[in-house]
C-alpha atoms as a PDB file:
ATOM      1  CA  TYR A   1     101.752 122.016  79.821  1.00  0.00           C
ATOM      2  CA  MET A   2     101.355 123.286  83.436  1.00  0.00           C
ATOM      3  CA  LEU A   3      98.843 120.629  84.228  1.00  0.00           C
ATOM      4  CA  SER A   4     101.012 117.869  82.962  1.00  0.00           C
ATOM      5  CA  GLU A   5     103.929 119.120  85.066  1.00  0.00           C
ATOM      6  CA  LEU A   6     101.712 119.333  88.124  1.00  0.00           C
ATOM      7  CA  LYS A   7     100.545 115.737  87.509  1.00  0.00           C
ATOM      8  CA  VAL A   8     104.199 114.537  87.257  1.00  0.00           C
ATOM      9  CA  ALA A   9     104.969 116.442  90.435  1.00  0.00           C
ATOM     10  CA  PHE A  10     102.039 114.992  92.299  1.00  0.00           C
ATOM     11  CA  LEU A  11     102.832 111.436  91.233  1.00  0.00           C
ATOM     12  CA  LEU A  12     106.553 111.850  92.112  1.00  0.00           C
ATOM     13  CA  GLY A  13     105.505 113.191  95.630  1.00  0.00           C
ATOM     14  CA  PHE A  14     103.098 110.394  96.139  1.00  0.00           C
ATOM     15  CA  ARG A  15     105.654 107.718  95.170  1.00  0.00           C
ATOM     16  CA  VAL A  16     108.160 109.222  97.717  1.00  0.00           C
ATOM     17  CA  TYR A  17     105.550 109.795 100.531  1.00  0.00           C
ATOM     18  CA  LEU A  18     103.637 106.536 100.427  1.00  0.00           C
ATOM     19  CA  PRO A  19     106.493 104.250 101.661  1.00  0.00           C
ATOM     20  CA  PHE A  20     107.294 106.691 104.506  1.00  0.00           C
ATOM     21  CA  LEU A  21     103.593 106.769 105.435  1.00  0.00           C
ATOM     22  CA  ILE A  22     103.660 102.938 105.634  1.00  0.00           C
ATOM     23  CA  VAL A  23     106.747 103.038 107.867  1.00  0.00           C
ATOM     24  CA  ASP A  24     104.994 105.521 110.110  1.00  0.00           C
ATOM     25  CA  MET A  25     101.876 103.377 110.425  1.00  0.00           C
ATOM     26  CA  ILE A  26     103.899 100.269 111.161  1.00  0.00           C
ATOM     27  CA  VAL A  27     105.961 101.979 113.920  1.00  0.00           C
ATOM     28  CA  ALA A  28     102.880 103.660 115.456  1.00  0.00           C
ATOM     29  CA  SER A  29     101.020 100.351 115.576  1.00  0.00           C
ATOM     30  CA  ILE A  30     104.005  98.559 117.188  1.00  0.00           C
ATOM     31  CA  LEU A  31     104.365 101.342 119.811  1.00  0.00           C
ATOM     32  CA  ILE A  32     100.675 101.328 120.604  1.00  0.00           C
ATOM     33  CA  SER A  33     100.652  97.458 120.885  1.00  0.00           C
ATOM     34  CA  MET A  34     103.581  97.853 123.371  1.00  0.00           C
ATOM     35  CA  SER A  35     101.518 100.448 125.339  1.00  0.00           C
ATOM     36  CA  MET A  36     104.170 103.146 124.619  1.00  0.00           C
ATOM     37  CA  MET A  37     101.745 105.979 123.851  1.00  0.00           C
ATOM     38  CA  MET A  38     103.865 108.788 125.237  1.00  0.00           C
ATOM     39  CA  LEU A  39     106.769 107.986 123.023  1.00  0.00           C
ATOM     40  CA  PRO A  40     106.594 109.925 119.679  1.00  0.00           C
ATOM     41  CA  PRO A  41     106.588 107.564 116.702  1.00  0.00           C
ATOM     42  CA  VAL A  42     108.684 109.954 114.688  1.00  0.00           C
ATOM     43  CA  LEU A  43     111.630 109.386 117.155  1.00  0.00           C
ATOM     44  CA  ILE A  44     111.633 105.743 116.139  1.00  0.00           C
ATOM     45  CA  SER A  45     110.536 105.882 112.544  1.00  0.00           C
ATOM     46  CA  LEU A  46     113.062 108.549 111.371  1.00  0.00           C
ATOM     47  CA  PRO A  47     116.086 106.198 111.268  1.00  0.00           C
ATOM     48  CA  PHE A  48     113.978 103.582 109.526  1.00  0.00           C
ATOM     49  CA  LYS A  49     112.808 106.058 106.913  1.00  0.00           C
ATOM     50  CA  ILE A  50     116.419 107.166 106.225  1.00  0.00           C
ATOM     51  CA  LEU A  51     117.492 103.614 105.921  1.00  0.00           C
ATOM     52  CA  LEU A  52     114.630 102.808 103.555  1.00  0.00           C
ATOM     53  CA  PHE A  53     115.581 105.848 101.422  1.00  0.00           C
ATOM     54  CA  ILE A  54     119.202 104.703 101.213  1.00  0.00           C
ATOM     55  CA  PHE A  55     118.390 101.121 100.444  1.00  0.00           C
ATOM     56  CA  VAL A  56     116.025 101.823  97.586  1.00  0.00           C
ATOM     57  CA  ASP A  57     118.485 104.417  96.131  1.00  0.00           C
ATOM     58  CA  GLY A  58     116.064 107.251  96.613  1.00  0.00           C
ATOM     59  CA  TRP A  59     118.212 110.018  95.131  1.00  0.00           C
ATOM     60  CA  GLN A  60     118.700 108.043  91.929  1.00  0.00           C
ATOM     61  CA  LEU A  61     114.958 107.405  91.701  1.00  0.00           C
ATOM     62  CA  ILE A  62     114.065 110.999  92.248  1.00  0.00           C
ATOM     63  CA  VAL A  63     116.669 112.558  89.943  1.00  0.00           C
ATOM     64  CA  GLY A  64     115.971 109.868  87.238  1.00  0.00           C
ATOM     65  CA  SER A  65     112.220 110.654  87.373  1.00  0.00           C
ATOM     66  CA  LEU A  66     112.783 114.352  87.129  1.00  0.00           C
ATOM     67  CA  MET A  67     115.126 113.950  84.215  1.00  0.00           C
ATOM     68  CA  LEU A  68     112.693 111.726  82.404  1.00  0.00           C
ATOM     69  CA  SER A  69     109.885 114.172  82.981  1.00  0.00           C
ATOM     70  CA  VAL A  70     111.891 117.002  81.415  1.00  0.00           C
ATOM     71  CA  ALA A  71     113.609 115.425  78.410  1.00  0.00           C
ATOM     72  CA  PRO A  72     112.764 112.422  76.139  1.00  0.00           C
ATOM     73  CA  VAL A  73     114.474 109.119  76.843  1.00  0.00           C
ATOM     74  CA  ASP A  74     116.935 109.426  73.981  1.00  0.00           C
ATOM     75  CA  ALA A  75     118.017 112.863  75.007  1.00  0.00           C
ATOM     76  CA  VAL A  76     118.579 112.199  78.650  1.00  0.00           C
ATOM     77  CA  ALA A  77     122.361 112.576  79.507  1.00  0.00           C
ATOM     78  CA  VAL A  78     123.691 110.090  81.929  1.00  0.00           C
ATOM     79  CA  VAL A  79     124.682 112.061  85.003  1.00  0.00           C
ATOM     80  CA  PRO A  80     127.173 110.349  87.262  1.00  0.00           C
ATOM     81  CA  VAL A  81     125.781 110.262  90.779  1.00  0.00           C
ATOM     82  CA  LEU A  82     128.172 110.694  93.686  1.00  0.00           C
ATOM     83  CA  HIS A  83     126.736 107.482  95.163  1.00  0.00           C
ATOM     84  CA  ASP A  84     129.651 106.873  97.625  1.00  0.00           C
ATOM     85  CA  THR A  85     129.478 110.454  98.961  1.00  0.00           C
ATOM     86  CA  LEU A  86     125.709 110.352  99.379  1.00  0.00           C
ATOM     87  CA  HIS A  87     125.873 106.898 100.984  1.00  0.00           C
ATOM     88  CA  ALA A  88     128.576 108.163 103.451  1.00  0.00           C
ATOM     89  CA  ALA A  89     126.524 111.279 104.283  1.00  0.00           C
ATOM     90  CA  ALA A  90     123.391 109.230 104.894  1.00  0.00           C
ATOM     91  CA  LEU A  91     125.285 106.773 107.149  1.00  0.00           C
ATOM     92  CA  ALA A  92     126.566 109.734 109.134  1.00  0.00           C
ATOM     93  CA  VAL A  93     122.996 110.936 109.605  1.00  0.00           C
ATOM     94  CA  VAL A  94     121.823 107.557 110.650  1.00  0.00           C
ATOM     95  CA  ALA A  95     124.697 107.277 113.177  1.00  0.00           C
ATOM     96  CA  CYS A  96     123.776 110.709 114.544  1.00  0.00           C
ATOM     97  CA  ALA A  97     120.280 109.628 114.925  1.00  0.00           C
ATOM     98  CA  GLN A  98     121.265 106.528 116.744  1.00  0.00           C
ATOM     99  CA  GLU A  99     123.588 108.465 118.984  1.00  0.00           C
ATOM    100  CA  THR A 100     120.640 110.817 119.837  1.00  0.00           C
ATOM    101  CA  LEU A 101     118.323 107.874 120.636  1.00  0.00           C
ATOM    102  CA  ILE A 102     121.001 106.349 122.950  1.00  0.00           C
ATOM    103  CA  HIS A 103     121.475 109.569 124.938  1.00  0.00           C
ATOM    104  CA  ALA A 104     117.823 110.421 125.081  1.00  0.00           C
END
């Protein structure tokens, strides 16, 4: 049982991490091609990562995968997600990150 749970956790972590790694690689290659080696790529890629997570409905994907890994499909209760609240909070984080980039 423990190995199957570790397998599910590893696969879930990999599915979340891989798109963010791709965003980091793209931003780093663009910055290097523009000869901006002293600018940390995390400063530029963080807003893109947050937007990617919001646009693919990341919270729903993570919570849905966790619920499916614990209970069978017919026993999964539909949990209403506070989508508007999460979306508003994520937009506030993106606005704060943009404000930080402008004043940096």
